N, C-alpha and C. Protein backbone atom coordinates (compact mmCIF):
# COMPACT_ATOMS: atom_id res chain seq x y z
N UNK A 1 51.12 -31.80 48.84
CA UNK A 1 51.85 -31.37 47.58
C UNK A 1 51.26 -31.23 46.16
N UNK A 2 51.37 -30.30 45.34
CA UNK A 2 50.60 -30.41 44.23
C UNK A 2 51.15 -31.14 42.88
N UNK A 3 50.59 -31.57 42.34
CA UNK A 3 50.88 -32.38 41.06
C UNK A 3 52.08 -31.47 40.35
N UNK A 4 53.00 -31.87 39.90
CA UNK A 4 53.61 -31.00 38.75
C UNK A 4 53.92 -31.62 37.40
N UNK A 5 53.83 -31.03 36.48
CA UNK A 5 53.78 -31.54 35.20
C UNK A 5 54.81 -30.48 34.36
N UNK A 6 55.82 -31.21 33.81
CA UNK A 6 56.88 -30.51 33.10
C UNK A 6 56.50 -30.77 31.45
N UNK A 7 56.43 -29.73 30.76
CA UNK A 7 55.84 -29.94 29.49
C UNK A 7 56.42 -28.95 28.33
N UNK A 8 56.20 -29.22 27.05
CA UNK A 8 56.65 -28.11 26.27
C UNK A 8 55.50 -28.25 25.10
N UNK A 9 55.19 -27.01 24.59
CA UNK A 9 54.38 -26.34 23.47
C UNK A 9 54.31 -27.29 22.68
N UNK A 10 53.38 -27.80 22.04
CA UNK A 10 53.46 -28.59 20.64
C UNK A 10 53.96 -29.90 20.83
N UNK A 11 54.10 -30.38 21.88
CA UNK A 11 54.60 -31.86 21.97
C UNK A 11 53.34 -32.63 22.41
N UNK A 12 53.20 -33.60 21.59
CA UNK A 12 51.76 -34.48 21.36
C UNK A 12 51.72 -35.05 22.61
N UNK A 13 53.16 -35.62 23.29
CA UNK A 13 53.24 -36.64 24.27
C UNK A 13 53.52 -35.90 25.71
N UNK A 14 53.35 -34.42 25.47
CA UNK A 14 52.78 -33.49 26.77
C UNK A 14 51.44 -33.12 26.90
N UNK A 15 50.60 -33.37 25.73
CA UNK A 15 49.54 -33.05 25.59
C UNK A 15 48.77 -34.13 25.92
N UNK A 16 49.00 -35.20 25.83
CA UNK A 16 48.26 -36.39 26.34
C UNK A 16 48.00 -36.19 27.84
N UNK A 17 49.15 -35.83 28.66
CA UNK A 17 49.30 -35.59 30.22
C UNK A 17 48.34 -34.57 30.49
N UNK A 18 48.63 -33.53 29.83
CA UNK A 18 47.45 -32.42 30.55
C UNK A 18 46.06 -32.71 30.15
N UNK A 19 45.61 -33.05 28.95
CA UNK A 19 44.24 -33.75 29.03
C UNK A 19 44.00 -34.85 29.93
N UNK A 20 44.81 -35.64 30.27
CA UNK A 20 44.34 -36.46 31.28
C UNK A 20 44.34 -35.90 32.86
N UNK A 21 44.85 -35.07 33.11
CA UNK A 21 44.87 -34.36 34.08
C UNK A 21 43.58 -33.21 34.30
N UNK A 22 43.15 -33.02 32.98
CA UNK A 22 41.93 -31.93 32.99
C UNK A 22 40.61 -33.03 33.02
N UNK A 23 40.92 -34.16 32.31
CA UNK A 23 39.98 -35.10 32.44
C UNK A 23 39.65 -35.74 33.72
N UNK A 24 40.69 -35.81 34.44
CA UNK A 24 40.43 -36.21 36.22
C UNK A 24 40.22 -35.53 36.99
N UNK A 25 39.81 -33.73 36.34
CA UNK A 25 40.05 -32.86 37.28
C UNK A 25 41.00 -32.60 38.48
N UNK A 26 42.16 -32.67 38.13
CA UNK A 26 43.05 -32.78 38.96
C UNK A 26 43.62 -31.61 38.94
N UNK A 27 43.91 -31.01 40.24
CA UNK A 27 44.87 -29.47 40.56
C UNK A 27 46.28 -29.99 39.91
N UNK A 28 46.95 -29.03 39.23
CA UNK A 28 48.27 -29.25 38.87
C UNK A 28 49.34 -27.81 38.52
N UNK A 29 50.50 -28.00 39.00
CA UNK A 29 51.39 -27.08 39.02
C UNK A 29 52.01 -26.92 37.15
N UNK A 30 51.75 -26.12 36.55
CA UNK A 30 52.49 -26.32 35.16
C UNK A 30 53.83 -25.36 35.12
N UNK A 31 54.85 -26.38 34.46
CA UNK A 31 55.94 -25.90 34.24
C UNK A 31 56.35 -26.14 32.66
N UNK A 32 55.92 -24.60 31.72
CA UNK A 32 56.28 -24.80 30.54
C UNK A 32 57.84 -24.64 30.32
N UNK A 33 58.41 -25.51 29.42
CA UNK A 33 59.76 -25.81 29.00
C UNK A 33 59.79 -25.55 27.74
N UNK A 34 61.13 -24.68 27.27
CA UNK A 34 61.43 -24.58 25.97
C UNK A 34 62.58 -25.30 25.63
N UNK A 35 62.64 -25.97 24.15
CA UNK A 35 63.60 -27.02 23.60
C UNK A 35 64.73 -25.59 23.41
N UNK A 36 64.34 -24.68 22.76
CA UNK A 36 65.26 -23.80 22.25
C UNK A 36 66.22 -23.04 23.35
N UNK A 37 65.84 -22.99 24.53
CA UNK A 37 66.85 -22.44 25.62
C UNK A 37 67.38 -23.48 26.19
N UNK A 38 67.20 -24.66 26.01
CA UNK A 38 67.72 -25.72 26.54
C UNK A 38 67.41 -26.27 28.14
N UNK A 39 65.87 -25.79 27.96
CA UNK A 39 65.61 -26.35 29.45
C UNK A 39 65.33 -27.82 29.78
N UNK A 40 65.59 -28.51 28.74
CA UNK A 40 65.55 -29.99 28.87
C UNK A 40 66.76 -30.46 29.17
N UNK A 41 67.83 -29.70 29.03
CA UNK A 41 69.19 -30.32 29.22
C UNK A 41 69.92 -29.78 30.90
N UNK A 42 69.06 -29.24 31.46
CA UNK A 42 69.56 -28.30 32.69
C UNK A 42 69.91 -29.55 33.59
N UNK A 43 70.59 -29.57 34.49
CA UNK A 43 70.81 -30.70 35.48
C UNK A 43 69.45 -31.21 36.47
N UNK A 44 68.62 -30.02 36.93
CA UNK A 44 67.43 -30.34 37.48
C UNK A 44 66.66 -31.33 36.71
N UNK A 45 66.56 -31.01 35.57
CA UNK A 45 65.38 -31.60 34.57
C UNK A 45 66.29 -33.29 34.34
N UNK A 46 67.48 -32.98 33.94
CA UNK A 46 68.03 -34.33 33.49
C UNK A 46 68.12 -35.26 34.79
N UNK A 47 68.11 -34.73 35.96
CA UNK A 47 67.70 -35.37 37.46
C UNK A 47 66.47 -36.27 37.41
N UNK A 48 65.64 -35.43 36.86
CA UNK A 48 64.08 -36.52 36.75
C UNK A 48 64.15 -37.23 35.65
N UNK A 49 64.62 -36.78 34.36
CA UNK A 49 64.49 -37.55 33.25
C UNK A 49 65.93 -37.64 32.43
N UNK A 50 66.50 -38.57 32.42
CA UNK A 50 68.09 -38.55 31.94
C UNK A 50 67.77 -38.80 30.42
N UNK A 51 66.51 -39.09 29.87
CA UNK A 51 66.71 -38.84 28.63
C UNK A 51 66.17 -37.51 27.79
N UNK A 52 66.11 -36.52 28.71
CA UNK A 52 65.82 -35.28 28.33
C UNK A 52 64.58 -34.91 27.68
N UNK A 53 63.58 -35.63 28.00
CA UNK A 53 62.32 -35.40 27.08
C UNK A 53 61.22 -35.17 27.89
N UNK A 54 60.14 -34.41 27.54
CA UNK A 54 59.08 -33.94 28.24
C UNK A 54 57.91 -35.25 27.61
N UNK A 55 56.92 -35.35 28.48
CA UNK A 55 56.75 -34.89 29.68
C UNK A 55 57.34 -35.43 31.13
N UNK A 56 57.20 -34.97 31.89
CA UNK A 56 57.82 -35.65 33.33
C UNK A 56 56.79 -34.95 34.42
N UNK A 57 56.09 -35.86 34.95
CA UNK A 57 55.13 -35.84 35.87
C UNK A 57 55.84 -35.95 37.76
N UNK A 58 55.58 -35.09 38.25
CA UNK A 58 56.26 -34.92 39.85
C UNK A 58 55.03 -35.03 40.57
N UNK A 59 54.97 -36.13 41.55
CA UNK A 59 53.84 -36.11 42.61
C UNK A 59 54.44 -36.52 43.97
N UNK A 60 54.58 -35.39 44.60
CA UNK A 60 55.47 -36.04 45.77
C UNK A 60 56.63 -36.54 45.43
N UNK A 61 56.79 -37.85 46.25
CA UNK A 61 58.34 -38.27 45.84
C UNK A 61 58.34 -39.19 44.57
N UNK A 62 56.90 -39.31 43.81
CA UNK A 62 56.98 -40.14 42.60
C UNK A 62 57.32 -39.09 41.30
N UNK A 63 58.02 -39.47 40.65
CA UNK A 63 58.60 -38.92 39.40
C UNK A 63 58.49 -39.90 38.33
N UNK A 64 57.78 -39.81 37.14
CA UNK A 64 57.46 -40.60 35.96
C UNK A 64 57.45 -39.72 34.73
N UNK A 65 58.19 -40.49 33.83
CA UNK A 65 58.13 -39.95 32.50
C UNK A 65 57.88 -41.05 31.50
N UNK A 66 57.70 -40.44 30.36
CA UNK A 66 57.01 -41.15 29.20
C UNK A 66 55.66 -41.19 29.34
N UNK A 67 54.83 -40.64 28.20
CA UNK A 67 53.52 -40.34 28.40
C UNK A 67 52.42 -41.06 28.81
N UNK A 68 52.65 -42.55 28.07
CA UNK A 68 51.67 -43.39 28.63
C UNK A 68 51.95 -43.86 29.99
N UNK A 69 53.02 -43.97 30.48
CA UNK A 69 53.50 -44.40 31.84
C UNK A 69 52.65 -43.41 32.87
N UNK A 70 52.73 -42.27 32.19
CA UNK A 70 52.30 -41.06 33.32
C UNK A 70 50.54 -41.20 33.44
N UNK A 71 49.95 -41.77 32.14
CA UNK A 71 48.51 -42.04 32.17
C UNK A 71 48.29 -42.91 33.07
N UNK A 72 49.00 -44.26 33.22
CA UNK A 72 48.76 -45.38 33.73
C UNK A 72 49.18 -44.99 35.47
N UNK A 73 50.10 -43.95 35.51
CA UNK A 73 50.29 -43.61 37.22
C UNK A 73 48.97 -43.05 37.44
N UNK A 74 48.72 -41.76 36.89
CA UNK A 74 47.27 -41.09 37.07
C UNK A 74 46.40 -42.19 37.49
N UNK A 75 45.82 -43.05 36.69
CA UNK A 75 44.84 -43.73 36.70
C UNK A 75 45.11 -44.80 37.84
N UNK A 76 46.08 -45.50 38.18
CA UNK A 76 46.15 -46.18 39.29
C UNK A 76 46.19 -45.07 40.80
N UNK A 77 46.42 -44.23 40.79
CA UNK A 77 46.46 -43.32 42.31
C UNK A 77 45.26 -42.48 42.09
N UNK A 78 44.83 -42.14 41.11
CA UNK A 78 43.66 -41.20 41.19
C UNK A 78 42.51 -42.02 40.46
N UNK A 79 41.91 -42.81 40.80
CA UNK A 79 41.10 -43.75 39.71
C UNK A 79 39.49 -43.38 39.16
N UNK A 80 39.30 -42.24 39.49
CA UNK A 80 38.43 -41.75 38.79
C UNK A 80 38.41 -40.43 38.31
N UNK A 81 37.82 -40.17 37.00
CA UNK A 81 37.20 -41.15 36.22
C UNK A 81 38.08 -42.16 35.50
N UNK A 82 37.95 -43.52 35.18
CA UNK A 82 38.85 -44.17 34.84
C UNK A 82 39.71 -44.23 33.35
N UNK A 83 40.61 -44.09 33.24
CA UNK A 83 41.30 -44.09 31.76
C UNK A 83 41.25 -45.31 31.08
N UNK A 84 41.47 -46.47 31.88
CA UNK A 84 42.25 -47.70 31.57
C UNK A 84 40.91 -48.53 31.50
N UNK A 85 39.51 -48.06 31.80
CA UNK A 85 38.40 -49.01 31.97
C UNK A 85 38.07 -49.33 33.12
N UNK A 86 36.88 -50.09 33.52
CA UNK A 86 36.36 -50.62 34.77
C UNK A 86 36.71 -52.21 34.65
N UNK A 87 36.51 -52.78 33.54
CA UNK A 87 36.42 -54.24 33.54
C UNK A 87 37.79 -54.88 32.53
N UNK A 88 38.24 -55.71 32.59
CA UNK A 88 39.07 -56.63 32.23
C UNK A 88 39.01 -56.26 30.59
N UNK A 89 37.82 -56.51 30.16
CA UNK A 89 37.53 -56.38 28.66
C UNK A 89 37.62 -54.95 28.26
N UNK A 90 37.33 -54.10 29.04
CA UNK A 90 37.58 -52.79 28.64
C UNK A 90 38.80 -52.32 28.67
N UNK A 91 39.77 -52.88 29.71
CA UNK A 91 41.29 -52.52 29.90
C UNK A 91 41.83 -53.05 28.65
N UNK A 92 41.68 -54.29 28.32
CA UNK A 92 42.32 -55.13 27.10
C UNK A 92 41.74 -54.33 25.74
N UNK A 93 40.80 -53.85 25.52
CA UNK A 93 40.27 -52.93 24.20
C UNK A 93 41.22 -51.57 24.34
N UNK A 94 41.19 -51.11 25.25
CA UNK A 94 41.95 -49.71 25.52
C UNK A 94 43.14 -49.96 25.28
N UNK A 95 43.95 -50.92 25.89
CA UNK A 95 45.57 -50.97 25.82
C UNK A 95 45.97 -51.31 24.50
N UNK A 96 44.78 -52.38 23.96
CA UNK A 96 45.16 -52.40 22.54
C UNK A 96 45.00 -51.25 21.40
N UNK A 97 44.33 -50.65 21.51
CA UNK A 97 44.42 -49.21 20.87
C UNK A 97 45.39 -48.31 21.26
N UNK A 98 45.78 -48.27 22.59
CA UNK A 98 46.67 -47.46 23.11
C UNK A 98 48.11 -47.94 22.44
N UNK A 99 48.60 -49.32 22.42
CA UNK A 99 49.59 -49.96 21.84
C UNK A 99 49.77 -50.14 20.41
N UNK A 100 48.38 -50.10 19.68
CA UNK A 100 48.36 -49.78 18.36
C UNK A 100 49.00 -48.11 17.72
N UNK A 101 48.43 -47.33 18.47
CA UNK A 101 48.78 -45.83 18.42
C UNK A 101 50.36 -45.74 18.51
N UNK A 102 50.61 -46.49 19.64
CA UNK A 102 52.34 -46.06 19.76
C UNK A 102 53.38 -46.96 18.70
N UNK A 103 52.73 -48.30 18.15
CA UNK A 103 53.40 -49.08 17.38
C UNK A 103 53.31 -48.57 16.08
N UNK A 104 52.13 -48.17 15.55
CA UNK A 104 51.98 -47.94 14.05
C UNK A 104 51.78 -46.52 13.94
N UNK A 105 51.51 -45.65 14.71
CA UNK A 105 50.79 -44.24 14.22
C UNK A 105 51.68 -43.37 14.56
N UNK A 106 52.42 -43.25 15.81
CA UNK A 106 53.04 -42.08 16.19
C UNK A 106 54.60 -41.77 15.13
N UNK A 107 54.95 -42.75 14.75
CA UNK A 107 56.22 -42.65 13.84
C UNK A 107 55.75 -42.01 12.64
N UNK A 108 54.78 -42.78 11.82
CA UNK A 108 54.60 -42.15 10.89
C UNK A 108 54.22 -40.73 10.68
N UNK A 109 53.38 -40.47 11.90
CA UNK A 109 52.65 -39.17 11.89
C UNK A 109 53.83 -38.34 12.20
N UNK A 110 54.92 -38.41 12.95
CA UNK A 110 55.87 -37.35 13.06
C UNK A 110 56.36 -37.26 11.96
N UNK A 111 56.86 -38.43 11.36
CA UNK A 111 57.52 -38.16 10.23
C UNK A 111 56.93 -37.67 8.75
N UNK A 112 55.45 -36.87 9.08
CA UNK A 112 55.02 -36.32 8.28
C UNK A 112 55.01 -34.70 8.67
N UNK A 113 54.55 -34.61 10.03
CA UNK A 113 54.36 -33.74 10.72
C UNK A 113 55.85 -32.77 11.10
N UNK A 114 56.82 -33.22 11.51
CA UNK A 114 58.17 -32.59 11.84
C UNK A 114 58.72 -31.85 10.59
N UNK A 115 58.80 -32.52 9.75
CA UNK A 115 59.42 -31.65 8.62
C UNK A 115 58.67 -30.41 7.81
N UNK A 116 57.39 -30.77 8.36
CA UNK A 116 56.57 -29.19 7.65
C UNK A 116 56.51 -28.31 8.95
N UNK A 117 56.70 -28.83 9.87
CA UNK A 117 56.70 -27.69 10.84
C UNK A 117 58.17 -26.90 10.76
N UNK A 118 59.31 -27.73 10.62
CA UNK A 118 60.32 -27.23 10.50
C UNK A 118 61.02 -26.50 9.23
N UNK A 119 60.03 -26.77 8.27
CA UNK A 119 60.28 -25.93 6.54
C UNK A 119 61.45 -26.95 6.10
N UNK A 120 61.49 -28.22 6.48
CA UNK A 120 62.43 -29.24 5.74
C UNK A 120 61.67 -30.20 4.88
N UNK A 121 60.31 -29.97 4.43
CA UNK A 121 59.56 -30.90 3.79
C UNK A 121 59.87 -31.29 2.49
N UNK A 122 60.60 -30.04 1.63
CA UNK A 122 61.26 -30.16 0.33
C UNK A 122 62.38 -31.18 0.52
N UNK A 123 63.44 -31.21 1.56
CA UNK A 123 64.61 -31.85 1.67
C UNK A 123 64.36 -33.20 1.80
N UNK A 124 63.40 -33.43 2.78
CA UNK A 124 62.78 -34.70 3.28
C UNK A 124 61.69 -35.43 2.90
N UNK A 125 61.63 -34.84 1.28
CA UNK A 125 60.44 -35.48 0.97
C UNK A 125 59.83 -36.78 0.87
N UNK A 126 61.06 -37.46 0.30
CA UNK A 126 60.88 -39.24 0.30
C UNK A 126 60.88 -39.70 1.31
N UNK A 127 61.15 -39.35 2.67
CA UNK A 127 60.48 -39.82 3.75
C UNK A 127 59.14 -39.50 4.44
N UNK A 128 58.85 -38.12 4.00
CA UNK A 128 57.27 -37.42 4.19
C UNK A 128 56.37 -38.30 3.06
N UNK A 129 56.56 -38.66 2.05
CA UNK A 129 55.89 -39.32 0.89
C UNK A 129 55.95 -40.77 1.43
N UNK A 130 56.84 -41.10 2.09
CA UNK A 130 56.85 -42.57 2.18
C UNK A 130 55.72 -42.83 3.61
N UNK A 131 55.53 -41.63 4.40
CA UNK A 131 55.02 -41.58 5.51
C UNK A 131 53.21 -41.65 5.49
N UNK A 132 52.82 -40.93 3.88
CA UNK A 132 51.64 -40.56 3.51
C UNK A 132 50.66 -41.64 3.77
N UNK A 133 51.11 -42.91 2.97
CA UNK A 133 50.02 -43.91 3.04
C UNK A 133 49.82 -44.67 4.41
N UNK A 134 50.90 -44.83 4.95
CA UNK A 134 50.78 -45.29 6.28
C UNK A 134 49.95 -44.64 7.24
N UNK A 135 49.80 -43.33 7.16
CA UNK A 135 49.44 -42.16 8.17
C UNK A 135 47.90 -42.72 7.52
N UNK A 136 47.51 -42.52 6.40
CA UNK A 136 46.03 -42.73 5.79
C UNK A 136 45.63 -44.01 6.04
N UNK A 137 46.17 -45.01 6.34
CA UNK A 137 45.71 -46.17 6.75
C UNK A 137 45.34 -45.97 8.02
N UNK A 138 46.19 -45.51 9.12
CA UNK A 138 45.80 -45.47 10.65
C UNK A 138 44.70 -44.41 10.41
N UNK A 139 44.57 -43.56 9.76
CA UNK A 139 43.32 -42.35 9.68
C UNK A 139 42.26 -43.30 9.55
N UNK A 140 42.50 -44.14 8.65
CA UNK A 140 41.21 -44.83 7.88
C UNK A 140 40.74 -45.79 9.07
N UNK A 141 41.62 -46.62 9.89
CA UNK A 141 41.24 -47.54 11.04
C UNK A 141 40.57 -46.50 12.00
N UNK A 142 41.20 -45.49 12.11
CA UNK A 142 40.44 -44.50 13.48
C UNK A 142 39.11 -44.32 13.05
N UNK A 143 38.78 -43.96 11.85
CA UNK A 143 37.57 -43.48 11.30
C UNK A 143 36.52 -44.88 11.51
N UNK A 144 36.88 -45.97 10.96
CA UNK A 144 36.10 -47.02 11.31
C UNK A 144 35.99 -47.34 12.96
N UNK A 145 37.00 -47.27 13.80
CA UNK A 145 36.76 -47.61 15.03
C UNK A 145 35.92 -46.64 15.74
N UNK A 146 35.82 -45.35 15.26
CA UNK A 146 34.73 -44.42 15.76
C UNK A 146 33.34 -44.72 15.22
N UNK A 147 33.24 -44.75 13.84
CA UNK A 147 31.78 -44.76 13.36
C UNK A 147 30.66 -44.22 13.76
N UNK A 148 29.97 -44.94 14.50
CA UNK A 148 28.58 -44.17 14.92
C UNK A 148 29.20 -43.62 16.72
N UNK A 149 30.31 -44.21 16.86
CA UNK A 149 30.57 -43.92 18.53
C UNK A 149 31.16 -42.61 18.69
N UNK A 150 30.87 -42.34 19.88
CA UNK A 150 31.52 -41.03 20.70
C UNK A 150 32.86 -41.12 20.94
N UNK A 151 33.40 -41.96 21.31
CA UNK A 151 34.90 -42.41 21.89
C UNK A 151 35.29 -43.66 21.23
N UNK A 152 36.65 -43.71 21.22
CA UNK A 152 37.33 -44.92 20.88
C UNK A 152 37.10 -46.36 20.89
N UNK A 153 37.12 -46.09 22.56
CA UNK A 153 37.05 -47.62 23.22
C UNK A 153 35.73 -48.03 24.11
N UNK A 154 34.71 -47.19 23.60
CA UNK A 154 33.60 -47.52 24.47
C UNK A 154 32.72 -46.03 24.72
N UNK A 155 31.88 -46.16 25.69
CA UNK A 155 30.90 -44.92 26.01
C UNK A 155 31.29 -44.03 27.11
N UNK A 156 32.73 -44.00 27.07
CA UNK A 156 33.51 -42.93 27.85
C UNK A 156 34.73 -42.50 27.28
N UNK A 157 35.46 -41.42 27.48
CA UNK A 157 36.75 -41.13 27.11
C UNK A 157 37.76 -41.70 27.88
N UNK A 158 38.88 -42.29 27.47
CA UNK A 158 39.72 -42.90 27.77
C UNK A 158 41.01 -42.73 27.11
N UNK A 159 41.97 -43.39 27.78
CA UNK A 159 43.51 -43.35 27.31
C UNK A 159 43.54 -43.42 25.98
N UNK A 160 42.98 -44.00 25.41
CA UNK A 160 42.98 -44.27 23.81
C UNK A 160 42.57 -42.99 22.89
N UNK A 161 41.57 -42.60 23.34
CA UNK A 161 41.56 -41.16 22.86
C UNK A 161 42.45 -40.05 22.91
N UNK A 162 42.85 -39.96 24.43
CA UNK A 162 44.12 -39.21 24.93
C UNK A 162 45.35 -39.25 24.22
N UNK A 163 45.59 -40.54 23.72
CA UNK A 163 46.76 -41.07 23.35
C UNK A 163 46.64 -40.49 21.50
N UNK A 164 45.39 -40.56 21.25
CA UNK A 164 45.45 -40.56 19.59
C UNK A 164 45.06 -38.91 19.25
N UNK A 165 44.65 -38.31 20.15
CA UNK A 165 44.12 -36.92 19.64
C UNK A 165 45.30 -35.61 19.16
N UNK A 166 46.21 -35.60 20.18
CA UNK A 166 47.30 -34.91 19.99
C UNK A 166 47.84 -35.11 18.46
N UNK A 167 48.25 -36.39 18.03
CA UNK A 167 48.40 -36.41 16.73
C UNK A 167 48.00 -36.14 15.59
N UNK A 168 46.44 -36.46 15.84
CA UNK A 168 45.57 -36.16 14.86
C UNK A 168 45.29 -34.25 14.84
N UNK A 169 45.77 -33.81 16.05
CA UNK A 169 45.61 -32.32 15.63
C UNK A 169 47.03 -31.73 15.17
N UNK A 170 48.22 -32.69 15.35
CA UNK A 170 49.34 -32.15 14.75
C UNK A 170 49.34 -32.41 13.45
N UNK A 171 48.86 -33.40 12.68
CA UNK A 171 48.22 -33.70 11.31
C UNK A 171 47.71 -32.67 11.01
N UNK A 172 46.43 -32.05 11.30
CA UNK A 172 45.76 -31.03 10.68
C UNK A 172 46.86 -29.71 10.65
N UNK A 173 47.63 -29.63 11.98
CA UNK A 173 47.98 -28.12 11.79
C UNK A 173 49.40 -28.44 10.60
N UNK A 174 49.99 -29.46 10.58
CA UNK A 174 51.02 -29.76 9.58
C UNK A 174 50.44 -29.37 8.08
N UNK A 175 49.28 -30.28 8.01
CA UNK A 175 48.56 -29.91 6.73
C UNK A 175 48.20 -28.47 6.14
N UNK A 176 48.25 -27.61 7.02
CA UNK A 176 48.17 -26.06 6.68
C UNK A 176 49.35 -25.33 6.23
N UNK A 177 50.37 -26.25 6.66
CA UNK A 177 51.43 -25.30 5.98
C UNK A 177 51.74 -25.14 4.65
N UNK A 178 52.62 -24.44 4.24
CA UNK A 178 52.81 -23.86 2.57
C UNK A 178 53.27 -25.23 2.19
N UNK A 179 54.24 -26.06 2.67
CA UNK A 179 54.88 -27.10 1.67
C UNK A 179 53.94 -28.20 1.99
N UNK A 180 52.95 -28.08 2.44
CA UNK A 180 52.13 -29.58 2.96
C UNK A 180 51.75 -29.87 1.33
N UNK A 181 51.18 -28.89 0.46
CA UNK A 181 50.65 -28.94 -0.85
C UNK A 181 51.17 -29.94 -1.73
N UNK A 182 52.32 -30.33 -1.70
CA UNK A 182 53.07 -31.12 -2.30
C UNK A 182 53.05 -32.48 -2.07
N UNK A 183 52.32 -32.75 -1.00
CA UNK A 183 52.14 -34.15 -0.25
C UNK A 183 50.49 -34.28 0.08
N UNK A 184 50.05 -35.34 -0.90
CA UNK A 184 48.42 -35.46 -0.93
C UNK A 184 48.18 -36.68 0.26
N UNK A 185 48.09 -36.03 1.75
CA UNK A 185 47.56 -36.63 2.48
C UNK A 185 46.03 -36.46 2.72
N UNK A 186 45.35 -35.73 2.10
CA UNK A 186 44.03 -35.85 2.02
C UNK A 186 43.30 -35.74 3.35
N UNK A 187 43.63 -34.87 4.62
CA UNK A 187 42.94 -34.89 5.46
C UNK A 187 41.99 -33.89 5.83
N UNK A 188 42.41 -32.78 4.95
CA UNK A 188 41.57 -31.46 5.17
C UNK A 188 40.54 -31.36 4.06
N UNK A 189 39.31 -30.94 4.11
CA UNK A 189 38.74 -30.29 5.49
C UNK A 189 38.06 -31.81 6.08
N UNK A 190 39.14 -31.62 7.55
CA UNK A 190 38.27 -32.58 8.36
C UNK A 190 37.13 -33.27 8.57
N UNK A 191 36.09 -32.54 8.41
CA UNK A 191 34.38 -32.98 8.48
C UNK A 191 34.12 -33.84 6.97
N UNK A 192 34.72 -33.32 5.93
CA UNK A 192 34.37 -33.90 4.45
C UNK A 192 35.26 -35.26 4.53
N UNK A 193 36.55 -35.35 4.91
CA UNK A 193 37.33 -36.13 4.75
C UNK A 193 37.02 -37.53 5.84
N UNK A 194 36.74 -37.00 7.06
CA UNK A 194 37.01 -37.76 7.89
C UNK A 194 35.85 -37.71 9.15
N UNK A 195 34.62 -37.60 8.77
CA UNK A 195 33.27 -37.23 9.54
C UNK A 195 33.31 -37.52 10.71
N UNK A 196 33.36 -38.74 11.23
CA UNK A 196 33.66 -39.17 12.44
C UNK A 196 34.89 -38.88 13.30
N UNK A 197 35.87 -38.90 12.70
CA UNK A 197 37.20 -38.22 13.32
C UNK A 197 36.89 -36.48 13.50
N UNK A 198 36.22 -36.03 12.87
CA UNK A 198 35.95 -34.62 12.97
C UNK A 198 34.82 -33.99 14.22
N UNK A 199 34.06 -35.39 14.50
CA UNK A 199 32.86 -35.37 15.45
C UNK A 199 33.90 -35.48 16.57
N UNK A 200 34.68 -36.43 16.76
CA UNK A 200 35.24 -37.12 17.82
C UNK A 200 36.20 -35.65 18.36
N UNK A 201 36.96 -35.17 17.38
CA UNK A 201 37.76 -33.79 17.60
C UNK A 201 37.06 -32.88 18.49
N UNK A 202 36.05 -32.25 17.95
CA UNK A 202 34.91 -31.52 18.42
C UNK A 202 34.54 -31.71 19.75
N UNK A 203 34.37 -33.44 19.74
CA UNK A 203 33.99 -33.72 21.24
C UNK A 203 34.90 -33.32 22.43
N UNK A 204 36.38 -33.70 22.09
CA UNK A 204 37.62 -33.35 23.01
C UNK A 204 37.54 -31.83 22.99
N UNK A 205 37.87 -31.13 21.90
CA UNK A 205 37.88 -29.60 22.03
C UNK A 205 36.82 -29.02 23.19
N UNK A 206 35.78 -29.70 23.06
CA UNK A 206 34.58 -29.21 24.08
C UNK A 206 34.55 -29.58 25.43
N UNK A 207 35.76 -30.53 26.06
CA UNK A 207 35.75 -30.80 27.50
C UNK A 207 36.13 -29.82 28.20
N UNK A 208 35.82 -29.67 29.65
CA UNK A 208 35.88 -28.83 30.22
C UNK A 208 37.52 -28.68 30.45
N UNK A 209 38.24 -27.42 30.53
CA UNK A 209 39.68 -27.45 30.52
C UNK A 209 40.33 -27.80 29.37
N UNK A 210 39.95 -28.00 28.40
CA UNK A 210 40.67 -27.98 26.94
C UNK A 210 41.28 -26.84 26.90
N UNK A 211 41.39 -25.85 27.15
CA UNK A 211 41.62 -24.73 26.55
C UNK A 211 43.36 -24.55 27.37
N UNK A 212 42.83 -24.92 28.54
CA UNK A 212 44.25 -24.77 29.31
C UNK A 212 45.56 -25.99 28.34
N UNK A 213 45.05 -26.71 27.88
CA UNK A 213 45.96 -28.12 27.48
C UNK A 213 46.32 -27.49 25.95
N UNK A 214 45.83 -26.58 25.35
CA UNK A 214 45.98 -26.07 24.08
C UNK A 214 47.28 -25.56 23.67
N UNK A 215 48.51 -26.02 22.92
CA UNK A 215 49.97 -25.27 23.10
C UNK A 215 49.83 -23.76 22.67
N UNK A 216 50.28 -23.00 23.88
CA UNK A 216 50.11 -21.78 23.99
C UNK A 216 50.92 -21.01 22.63
N UNK A 217 51.84 -21.57 22.08
CA UNK A 217 52.76 -21.27 20.79
C UNK A 217 51.79 -20.98 19.53
N UNK A 218 50.61 -22.13 19.55
CA UNK A 218 49.78 -22.38 18.16
C UNK A 218 48.94 -21.18 18.26
N UNK A 219 48.78 -20.64 19.42
CA UNK A 219 47.61 -19.33 19.19
C UNK A 219 48.38 -18.24 18.71
N UNK A 220 49.26 -18.11 18.74
CA UNK A 220 50.09 -16.75 18.07
C UNK A 220 50.24 -16.76 16.69
N UNK A 221 49.96 -17.93 16.08
CA UNK A 221 50.20 -18.06 14.58
C UNK A 221 48.64 -18.25 13.90
């Protein structure tokens, strides 16, 4: 039975899992859900994830939700290529970067991204402005972590890269929205502001199968 992944276009958490499946070259059946149609509230979906959120991965009798938990599941069941390293040192470094992403970057990034996506940035201007310096500090940290390196945690792509990348792309897209001009995030143009990050983004975008992971509704705009 094929791996099934239930996801939504534009969800950075879904994107992490799609990228992991492509990096591991695993065949999967894609179920693209839509928030606007209530797909995440159907009895069948709630039975898999009572929190009514994507992504969800179903692999035979195993059902896993929460994006990083799914990455851990995939790495344990399908260990090549490894997402969490081969040695204790590598695992510690990767997990530290992943934990930093979850603890310090996801929330402020979404505080900037979501109001701009929803054309609510003027109404939520105080919250967006409060997020900007926090996001900038995390972007600077990632720029330093990359430096001359190809990947965040070593000489190969890892869960650290897959966890951070979708948020960077979300920030990039949000920064092109008309209301973004009122907030000085200073992200664009990425190659000038954050050259190491820009090279890293291009490296991920060149991965085999990347196009299959790209949010389909982003292509239409």
